Amino acid sequence: MARGAASERDGSLSDGVRPGEEPADAAPPALAIEGLSKRFGDGAASVLAVDDVGLTVERGSIVGLLGPNGAGKTTLIKCTLGIVLPDSGSVRVFGADVTDGRRAAYANVDAMLEGARNDYWRLTVRENLRYFATIAGVDPDSVRGRHDRLLDRLELTAKADTPVRELSRGMKQKVSLASVLAGGAELVFLDEPTLGLDVESSRTLRRELRRLAREEGLTIVLSSHDMDVVEDVCDRVVMMANGRIVADDTVAALRSGAGDVVRVVSADVDDAVVATLRERFDVRGVETDLGAVERDGDRRDGGDRRGPTAVEVAAGGDALYDLMDALRAAGVTVEGIETVRPELEDVFVDLTGVEPGEGGSDEGGSGEGDLSDAAADSRGRSP
C-alpha cells in the first residue's frame, strides 16, 4: 500500500525498543480489529462476508489466516487495508485508528497479494526496490545496504540488474517480497507468498520471513493454502468459516486439541468389524488390503490372500481401553498399533468442513482478483 512520509528505518521496532526488550509502557499491538462486519448486497440475496470479527496481532509475530474460499478472509483483509469500508467495527494499526487518518495509519503497512502484478516488469530488480522505497518516503540511497541484504538472502543478487519481465515466475515472486520489504514496512500482508516457488526457493523465503520477525520485529499476516508453509512459519493460526473466526491458536495447540487418533492394523479387520466399530467410536478412516505389515521386525507378505486393513479411530484416554476390548470381542488380533497425530489440514477440514482451496467467493461474485487490483492501485502500481 502507498505509504506516507516515513523516517529511515534500520530494522528496529518503531517505538525504539530493541527486539527482546520490554518497553516501559507496553506498545499497542501491530493490528487490532474489533467487531468488524461487512455485508454485500441487500435483502435475501445479500452475503454476510465478515460477521463480528475480532482479532489482535502482536508486534513481531507471524499469524496465518486460513479459510476456504468464501470464508470471509479476503473481505477481512480488504477491510483491514482500507480497500473496503466495513459496515461496523474498528481497525487500529500500531494504535492508530484507520478512520482518523488513513495515510498516517498505513504509513508502516505493505502488502504482496496473489494475482497482482506486484512489481514493474520493465524495471530491473534493484530499480524496483529503489522505487518502492522511494514511494514509502525513504531515500533509497540510505537503505542500499538493506536492499543488498534482501537481494542476498532471497538469492536475487545475480539477477539484481535484470528486468523483472525476464525472470521466472518464482523469481518474480521473490522480487515482489523484496519490494514489499524495501522501504522497511513494519506490518506486511502476504497472500500466497510461496506460490510458484520451487522447494528450495520456498525454504529460502520461509527462512527469511522467520528471521525478519525474530531479528527485526517485522509483523506478518500470511494467507496460504499450503499447510506446510503455515506450519513452518506461523506462530499462530486463525481459521475462518462463514465469515467468523472458528479457531485461533498455535499450530501445536490446534493439532493436539483435535484429540488422539489410533491406527490399528490387522488382517482380521473386515467390513463387519468396521461397521461394529463405527457404532461405538468415531472412525476417521479405513485403508484396506495393505499387502504387507511389519510385525516383530519381520515382514509378512500377503501373497494371494487379502492384505491387512488399517483403521483409524479417535480414541484417547479410557476410550483406548474400550477400543481394545471391542477388538478383542470381535476376534481381532492386532498386528500393529500407533498414535496418529492429526495434521493441520485435518484440523482445518474438521473445523470448516471444506478442503483447502474449495468454496466460493465471499463477496457475492466480486472475486479474489478485486483485492489484488485494488491493493496494487493503492501502492501506485499498475496491475
Protein backbone atom coordinates (compact mmCIF):
# COMPACT_ATOMS: atom_id res chain seq x y z
CA MET A 1 0.00 0.00 0.00
CA ALA A 2 1.08 3.57 -0.52
CA ARG A 3 2.98 4.80 2.49
CA GLY A 4 3.26 8.39 3.60
CA ALA A 5 6.36 10.17 4.78
CA ALA A 6 8.35 7.77 6.92
CA SER A 7 11.62 8.08 8.71
CA GLU A 8 14.55 5.91 7.70
CA ARG A 9 14.26 2.51 9.35
CA ASP A 10 17.17 0.35 10.42
CA GLY A 11 15.22 -2.79 11.40
CA SER A 12 14.39 -1.86 15.00
CA LEU A 13 10.84 -1.51 16.23
CA SER A 14 9.15 1.80 15.58
CA ASP A 15 9.00 2.69 19.26
CA GLY A 16 12.77 2.41 19.64
CA VAL A 17 12.68 -0.81 21.64
CA ARG A 18 15.15 -3.44 20.58
CA PRO A 19 13.80 -6.95 19.91
CA GLY A 20 13.70 -8.90 23.15
CA GLU A 21 13.46 -5.82 25.42
CA GLU A 22 10.33 -4.89 27.34
CA PRO A 23 9.19 -1.26 26.88
CA ALA A 24 8.43 0.83 29.93
CA ASP A 25 4.88 1.25 28.68
CA ALA A 26 3.65 -1.65 26.55
CA ALA A 27 3.22 -0.52 22.95
CA PRO A 28 -0.12 -1.20 21.24
CA PRO A 29 -0.32 -4.31 19.04
CA ALA A 30 0.54 -4.11 15.36
CA LEU A 31 -3.09 -4.80 14.45
CA ALA A 32 -6.28 -4.70 16.48
CA ILE A 33 -9.65 -5.48 14.87
CA GLU A 34 -12.86 -5.23 16.89
CA GLY A 35 -16.42 -6.13 15.93
CA LEU A 36 -15.76 -5.97 12.18
CA SER A 37 -18.71 -6.82 9.94
CA LYS A 38 -19.34 -6.44 6.23
CA ARG A 39 -22.40 -7.38 4.17
CA PHE A 40 -22.62 -7.21 0.37
CA GLY A 41 -25.96 -6.69 -1.36
CA ASP A 42 -29.47 -6.26 0.04
CA GLY A 43 -32.32 -8.50 1.04
CA ALA A 44 -32.35 -12.27 0.66
CA ALA A 45 -29.56 -12.18 -1.93
CA SER A 46 -27.13 -10.36 0.37
CA VAL A 47 -23.94 -12.02 1.65
CA LEU A 48 -22.63 -11.52 5.18
CA ALA A 49 -18.94 -11.84 4.31
CA VAL A 50 -17.50 -10.89 7.71
CA ASP A 51 -19.54 -11.37 10.87
CA ASP A 52 -18.45 -9.53 14.05
CA VAL A 53 -14.76 -10.49 13.81
CA GLY A 54 -12.24 -9.53 16.45
CA LEU A 55 -8.52 -10.15 16.04
CA THR A 56 -5.28 -8.92 17.60
CA VAL A 57 -1.83 -9.39 16.05
CA GLU A 58 1.12 -8.67 18.32
CA ARG A 59 4.28 -6.98 17.05
CA GLY A 60 6.95 -9.28 15.71
CA SER A 61 4.60 -12.24 15.27
CA ILE A 62 3.67 -14.25 12.17
CA VAL A 63 -0.04 -15.04 12.02
CA GLY A 64 -1.53 -17.38 9.45
CA LEU A 65 -5.01 -16.61 8.12
CA LEU A 66 -6.73 -19.71 6.79
CA GLY A 67 -10.16 -20.40 5.41
CA PRO A 68 -11.87 -21.97 2.40
CA ASN A 69 -12.79 -19.70 -0.46
CA GLY A 70 -15.85 -17.77 0.67
CA ALA A 71 -14.92 -17.90 4.35
CA GLY A 72 -14.51 -14.13 4.57
CA LYS A 73 -10.73 -13.80 4.80
CA THR A 74 -10.48 -11.82 1.55
CA THR A 75 -13.02 -9.27 2.75
CA LEU A 76 -11.36 -9.14 6.17
CA ILE A 77 -8.03 -8.29 4.53
CA LYS A 78 -9.68 -5.69 2.30
CA CYS A 79 -11.31 -4.00 5.29
CA THR A 80 -8.05 -4.11 7.22
CA LEU A 81 -6.13 -2.49 4.36
CA GLY A 82 -8.79 0.18 3.87
CA ILE A 83 -9.76 -1.07 0.41
CA VAL A 84 -13.34 -1.83 1.54
CA LEU A 85 -15.24 0.10 4.21
CA PRO A 86 -16.77 -2.20 6.84
CA ASP A 87 -20.38 -1.76 7.94
CA SER A 88 -19.31 -1.76 11.59
CA GLY A 89 -16.30 -2.30 13.79
CA SER A 90 -12.86 -0.74 14.01
CA VAL A 91 -9.32 -1.33 12.74
CA ARG A 92 -6.29 0.04 14.56
CA VAL A 93 -2.78 -0.22 13.15
CA PHE A 94 0.02 0.30 15.69
CA GLY A 95 -2.59 2.02 17.87
CA ALA A 96 -3.83 4.41 15.16
CA ASP A 97 -7.50 4.18 14.17
CA VAL A 98 -7.59 3.98 10.38
CA THR A 99 -10.70 6.18 10.26
CA ASP A 100 -8.88 9.04 11.98
CA GLY A 101 -6.13 9.32 9.40
CA ARG A 102 -5.73 6.75 6.67
CA ARG A 103 -2.33 7.96 5.48
CA ALA A 104 -0.78 8.00 8.94
CA ALA A 105 -2.31 4.69 9.96
CA TYR A 106 -0.97 2.87 6.91
CA ALA A 107 2.43 4.55 6.90
CA ASN A 108 4.15 1.33 8.03
CA VAL A 109 1.98 -1.20 6.20
CA ASP A 110 2.55 -3.00 2.93
CA ALA A 111 1.11 -5.99 1.08
CA MET A 112 2.00 -8.62 -1.50
CA LEU A 113 -1.15 -10.08 -2.97
CA GLU A 114 -1.79 -13.04 -5.22
CA GLY A 115 -2.87 -12.20 -8.75
CA ALA A 116 -1.47 -8.68 -8.73
CA ARG A 117 1.49 -7.52 -10.75
CA ASN A 118 3.39 -6.54 -7.64
CA ASP A 119 6.36 -5.02 -9.47
CA TYR A 120 7.17 -3.03 -12.56
CA TRP A 121 8.36 -5.63 -15.01
CA ARG A 122 10.28 -3.22 -17.25
CA LEU A 123 12.45 -2.15 -14.32
CA THR A 124 15.33 -4.24 -13.01
CA VAL A 125 15.12 -5.99 -9.68
CA ARG A 126 17.20 -3.33 -7.92
CA GLU A 127 15.29 -0.49 -9.58
CA ASN A 128 12.05 -1.94 -8.21
CA LEU A 129 13.46 -1.96 -4.70
CA ARG A 130 14.62 1.65 -5.04
CA TYR A 131 11.29 2.76 -6.48
CA PHE A 132 9.16 1.23 -3.74
CA ALA A 133 11.47 2.54 -1.05
CA THR A 134 11.01 5.99 -2.56
CA ILE A 135 7.20 5.89 -2.56
CA ALA A 136 7.45 4.74 1.08
CA GLY A 137 9.10 8.06 1.85
CA VAL A 138 12.60 6.59 2.26
CA ASP A 139 15.73 7.83 0.48
CA PRO A 140 16.77 4.70 -1.49
CA ASP A 141 20.45 5.56 -1.18
CA SER A 142 20.16 5.48 2.60
CA VAL A 143 18.88 1.88 2.58
CA ARG A 144 21.12 0.48 -0.15
CA GLY A 145 22.71 -1.84 2.42
CA ARG A 146 19.29 -3.14 3.36
CA HIS A 147 18.49 -3.80 -0.29
CA ASP A 148 21.79 -5.63 -0.78
CA ARG A 149 20.99 -7.86 2.20
CA LEU A 150 17.50 -8.59 0.88
CA LEU A 151 18.87 -9.49 -2.53
CA ASP A 152 21.46 -11.75 -0.95
CA ARG A 153 19.11 -13.54 1.44
CA LEU A 154 16.47 -14.07 -1.22
CA GLU A 155 19.16 -15.26 -3.66
CA LEU A 156 18.49 -12.45 -6.13
CA THR A 157 21.93 -10.80 -6.24
CA ALA A 158 22.86 -12.38 -9.56
CA LYS A 159 19.63 -11.01 -11.08
CA ALA A 160 19.79 -7.55 -9.47
CA ASP A 161 20.29 -5.75 -12.80
CA THR A 162 17.92 -7.96 -14.80
CA PRO A 163 14.49 -6.63 -15.87
CA VAL A 164 11.79 -8.41 -13.87
CA ARG A 165 9.94 -9.42 -17.04
CA GLU A 166 12.86 -11.72 -17.93
CA LEU A 167 12.62 -13.69 -14.69
CA SER A 168 10.77 -16.91 -13.95
CA ARG A 169 7.50 -16.85 -12.07
CA GLY A 170 9.22 -18.00 -8.90
CA MET A 171 11.88 -15.31 -9.16
CA LYS A 172 9.21 -12.65 -9.72
CA GLN A 173 7.54 -13.83 -6.54
CA LYS A 174 10.75 -13.30 -4.58
CA VAL A 175 11.20 -9.85 -6.16
CA SER A 176 7.67 -8.98 -5.01
CA LEU A 177 8.57 -9.86 -1.43
CA ALA A 178 11.80 -7.88 -1.63
CA SER A 179 9.88 -4.86 -2.95
CA VAL A 180 7.39 -5.06 -0.07
CA LEU A 181 10.30 -5.07 2.39
CA ALA A 182 12.38 -2.47 0.56
CA GLY A 183 11.03 0.55 2.44
CA GLY A 184 11.07 -1.01 5.90
CA ALA A 185 7.36 -1.66 6.45
CA GLU A 186 6.68 -2.97 9.95
CA LEU A 187 3.41 -4.79 9.17
CA VAL A 188 3.03 -6.76 5.94
CA PHE A 189 0.25 -8.85 4.47
CA LEU A 190 1.42 -11.73 2.27
CA ASP A 191 -1.10 -13.63 0.16
CA GLU A 192 0.26 -16.99 -1.08
CA PRO A 193 3.90 -15.82 -0.85
CA THR A 194 5.39 -19.17 -1.93
CA LEU A 195 3.15 -19.61 -4.98
CA GLY A 196 5.25 -20.65 -7.98
CA LEU A 197 8.42 -21.27 -5.98
CA ASP A 198 10.40 -24.48 -6.17
CA VAL A 199 11.09 -26.38 -2.96
CA GLU A 200 14.45 -24.75 -2.24
CA SER A 201 13.22 -21.23 -3.02
CA SER A 202 10.22 -21.79 -0.77
CA ARG A 203 12.54 -22.81 2.06
CA THR A 204 14.67 -19.73 1.47
CA LEU A 205 11.65 -17.44 1.64
CA ARG A 206 10.31 -19.11 4.79
CA ARG A 207 13.70 -18.82 6.47
CA GLU A 208 13.88 -15.12 5.65
CA LEU A 209 10.38 -14.45 6.97
CA ARG A 210 11.21 -16.13 10.26
CA ARG A 211 14.44 -14.16 10.51
CA LEU A 212 12.74 -10.83 9.80
CA ALA A 213 10.16 -11.47 12.52
CA ARG A 214 12.71 -12.72 15.05
CA GLU A 215 15.54 -10.27 14.46
CA GLU A 216 13.86 -7.15 13.08
CA GLY A 217 10.44 -7.28 14.71
CA LEU A 218 8.55 -7.50 11.43
CA THR A 219 4.87 -8.40 11.86
CA ILE A 220 3.42 -10.67 9.19
CA VAL A 221 -0.13 -11.71 8.36
CA LEU A 222 0.18 -14.62 5.94
CA SER A 223 -2.61 -16.22 3.94
CA SER A 224 -1.86 -19.51 2.19
CA HIS A 225 -3.46 -22.79 1.17
CA ASP A 226 -0.09 -24.51 1.63
CA MET A 227 -0.39 -26.03 5.09
CA ASP A 228 3.33 -26.88 5.20
CA VAL A 229 4.18 -23.19 4.84
CA VAL A 230 1.73 -22.20 7.57
CA GLU A 231 3.00 -24.87 9.97
CA ASP A 232 6.62 -23.99 9.29
CA VAL A 233 6.37 -20.22 9.54
CA CYS A 234 3.42 -19.12 11.66
CA ASP A 235 3.44 -18.57 15.42
CA ARG A 236 -0.34 -18.66 15.42
CA VAL A 237 -3.14 -19.66 13.08
CA VAL A 238 -6.54 -18.00 12.67
CA MET A 239 -9.13 -20.09 10.82
CA MET A 240 -12.28 -18.58 9.33
CA ALA A 241 -15.52 -20.14 8.12
CA ASN A 242 -18.81 -18.48 7.17
CA GLY A 243 -17.49 -15.03 7.99
CA ARG A 244 -16.45 -15.86 11.54
CA ILE A 245 -13.28 -16.99 13.30
CA VAL A 246 -13.66 -20.66 14.25
CA ALA A 247 -10.17 -21.21 15.69
CA ASP A 248 -7.29 -19.04 16.90
CA ASP A 249 -4.28 -20.75 18.46
CA THR A 250 -0.80 -22.10 17.85
CA VAL A 251 -0.32 -24.92 15.36
CA ALA A 252 0.67 -27.30 18.16
CA ALA A 253 -2.40 -26.45 20.23
CA LEU A 254 -4.75 -26.83 17.27
CA ARG A 255 -3.31 -30.23 16.42
CA SER A 256 -3.33 -31.51 19.98
CA GLY A 257 -6.84 -30.20 20.52
CA ALA A 258 -8.10 -32.38 17.69
CA GLY A 259 -7.80 -35.42 20.01
CA ASP A 260 -5.87 -38.67 19.82
CA VAL A 261 -6.31 -40.92 16.80
CA VAL A 262 -5.19 -44.54 16.98
CA ARG A 263 -4.25 -46.51 13.88
CA VAL A 264 -4.78 -50.25 14.22
CA VAL A 265 -3.57 -52.74 11.62
CA SER A 266 -4.87 -56.31 11.40
CA ALA A 267 -5.81 -58.90 8.80
CA ASP A 268 -8.85 -59.71 10.96
CA VAL A 269 -10.48 -56.32 10.35
CA ASP A 270 -13.25 -56.79 7.78
CA ASP A 271 -16.37 -54.85 6.83
CA ALA A 272 -18.32 -56.31 9.72
CA VAL A 273 -15.67 -55.29 12.25
CA VAL A 274 -15.51 -51.78 10.79
CA ALA A 275 -19.31 -51.50 11.00
CA THR A 276 -19.20 -52.56 14.66
CA LEU A 277 -16.52 -50.00 15.43
CA ARG A 278 -18.49 -47.24 13.72
CA GLU A 279 -21.42 -47.92 16.04
CA ARG A 280 -19.32 -47.19 19.14
CA PHE A 281 -16.43 -44.99 18.02
CA ASP A 282 -15.52 -42.13 15.73
CA VAL A 283 -13.84 -43.97 12.86
CA ARG A 284 -11.73 -41.45 10.95
CA GLY A 285 -10.51 -43.65 8.11
CA VAL A 286 -10.12 -47.18 6.76
CA GLU A 287 -7.35 -48.42 4.46
CA THR A 288 -7.81 -51.92 3.09
CA ASP A 289 -5.55 -54.54 1.50
CA LEU A 290 -2.23 -53.12 2.65
CA GLY A 291 -0.35 -56.18 1.30
CA ALA A 292 2.31 -56.42 4.00
CA VAL A 293 2.84 -55.23 7.55
CA GLU A 294 5.73 -55.08 9.99
CA ARG A 295 5.44 -57.49 12.89
CA ASP A 296 8.23 -58.20 15.37
CA GLY A 297 10.75 -56.95 12.84
CA ASP A 298 9.64 -59.38 10.11
CA ARG A 299 7.56 -58.69 7.03
CA ARG A 300 4.53 -60.86 6.36
CA ASP A 301 3.64 -60.67 2.69
CA GLY A 302 0.02 -61.09 1.80
CA GLY A 303 0.56 -63.20 -1.31
CA ASP A 304 -2.75 -64.08 -2.90
CA ARG A 305 -4.77 -63.56 0.26
CA ARG A 306 -6.36 -60.30 1.22
CA GLY A 307 -3.90 -57.93 2.89
CA PRO A 308 -4.42 -56.46 6.34
CA THR A 309 -6.63 -53.44 6.97
CA ALA A 310 -5.71 -50.26 8.85
CA VAL A 311 -8.48 -48.47 10.70
CA GLU A 312 -8.04 -45.06 12.34
CA VAL A 313 -10.22 -44.38 15.38
CA ALA A 314 -10.50 -41.29 17.58
CA ALA A 315 -9.76 -42.90 20.94
CA GLY A 316 -7.90 -41.20 23.74
CA GLY A 317 -7.74 -41.93 27.45
CA ASP A 318 -10.23 -44.56 28.64
CA ALA A 319 -11.66 -44.81 25.13
CA LEU A 320 -8.47 -46.58 24.07
CA TYR A 321 -9.18 -49.40 26.56
CA ASP A 322 -12.73 -49.62 25.26
CA LEU A 323 -11.38 -49.89 21.71
CA MET A 324 -9.05 -52.75 22.67
CA ASP A 325 -11.94 -54.54 24.39
CA ALA A 326 -14.11 -54.15 21.30
CA LEU A 327 -11.38 -55.50 19.03
CA ARG A 328 -10.81 -58.49 21.33
CA ALA A 329 -14.53 -59.24 21.44
CA ALA A 330 -14.61 -59.16 17.62
CA GLY A 331 -11.78 -61.69 17.44
CA VAL A 332 -9.26 -59.22 16.05
CA THR A 333 -5.55 -59.89 16.58
CA VAL A 334 -3.76 -56.55 16.47
CA GLU A 335 -0.67 -56.67 14.25
CA GLY A 336 0.28 -53.01 14.53
CA ILE A 337 -0.88 -50.00 16.52
CA GLU A 338 0.27 -46.38 16.65
CA THR A 339 -0.96 -42.97 17.65
CA VAL A 340 -1.53 -40.71 14.65
CA ARG A 341 -1.16 -37.00 15.29
CA PRO A 342 -3.58 -35.04 13.11
CA GLU A 343 -2.08 -32.66 10.57
CA LEU A 344 -3.09 -29.03 10.44
CA GLU A 345 -5.01 -29.79 7.25
CA ASP A 346 -7.06 -32.41 9.14
CA VAL A 347 -7.92 -29.81 11.79
CA PHE A 348 -8.82 -27.33 9.05
CA VAL A 349 -11.22 -29.78 7.37
CA ASP A 350 -12.80 -30.77 10.70
CA LEU A 351 -13.45 -27.14 11.66
CA THR A 352 -14.56 -25.78 8.28
CA GLY A 353 -15.97 -28.86 6.59
CA VAL A 354 -14.17 -27.85 3.39
CA GLU A 355 -10.89 -28.88 1.81
CA PRO A 356 -8.27 -26.07 1.49
CA GLY A 357 -8.86 -24.06 -1.69
CA GLU A 358 -12.50 -25.11 -2.08
CA GLY A 359 -15.56 -22.90 -1.69
CA GLY A 360 -16.82 -19.78 -3.42
CA SER A 361 -16.35 -16.03 -3.29
CA ASP A 362 -17.31 -14.29 -0.04
CA GLU A 363 -18.34 -11.17 -1.94
CA GLY A 364 -21.24 -12.41 -4.00
CA GLY A 365 -19.17 -12.81 -7.16
CA SER A 366 -16.76 -9.89 -6.99
CA GLY A 367 -13.91 -12.37 -6.85
CA GLU A 368 -10.44 -12.58 -5.37
CA GLY A 369 -8.94 -10.53 -8.17
CA ASP A 370 -10.51 -7.33 -6.88
CA LEU A 371 -8.29 -7.48 -3.82
CA SER A 372 -5.17 -7.69 -5.90
CA ASP A 373 -6.13 -4.90 -8.27
CA ALA A 374 -7.25 -2.51 -5.55
CA ALA A 375 -4.16 -3.12 -3.47
CA ALA A 376 -1.94 -2.65 -6.50
CA ASP A 377 -3.62 0.67 -7.26
CA SER A 378 -3.25 1.82 -3.66
CA ARG A 379 0.51 1.25 -3.87
CA GLY A 380 0.78 3.20 -7.06
CA ARG A 381 1.27 0.05 -9.15
CA SER A 382 -0.34 -0.83 -12.40
CA PRO A 383 -1.90 -4.30 -12.14
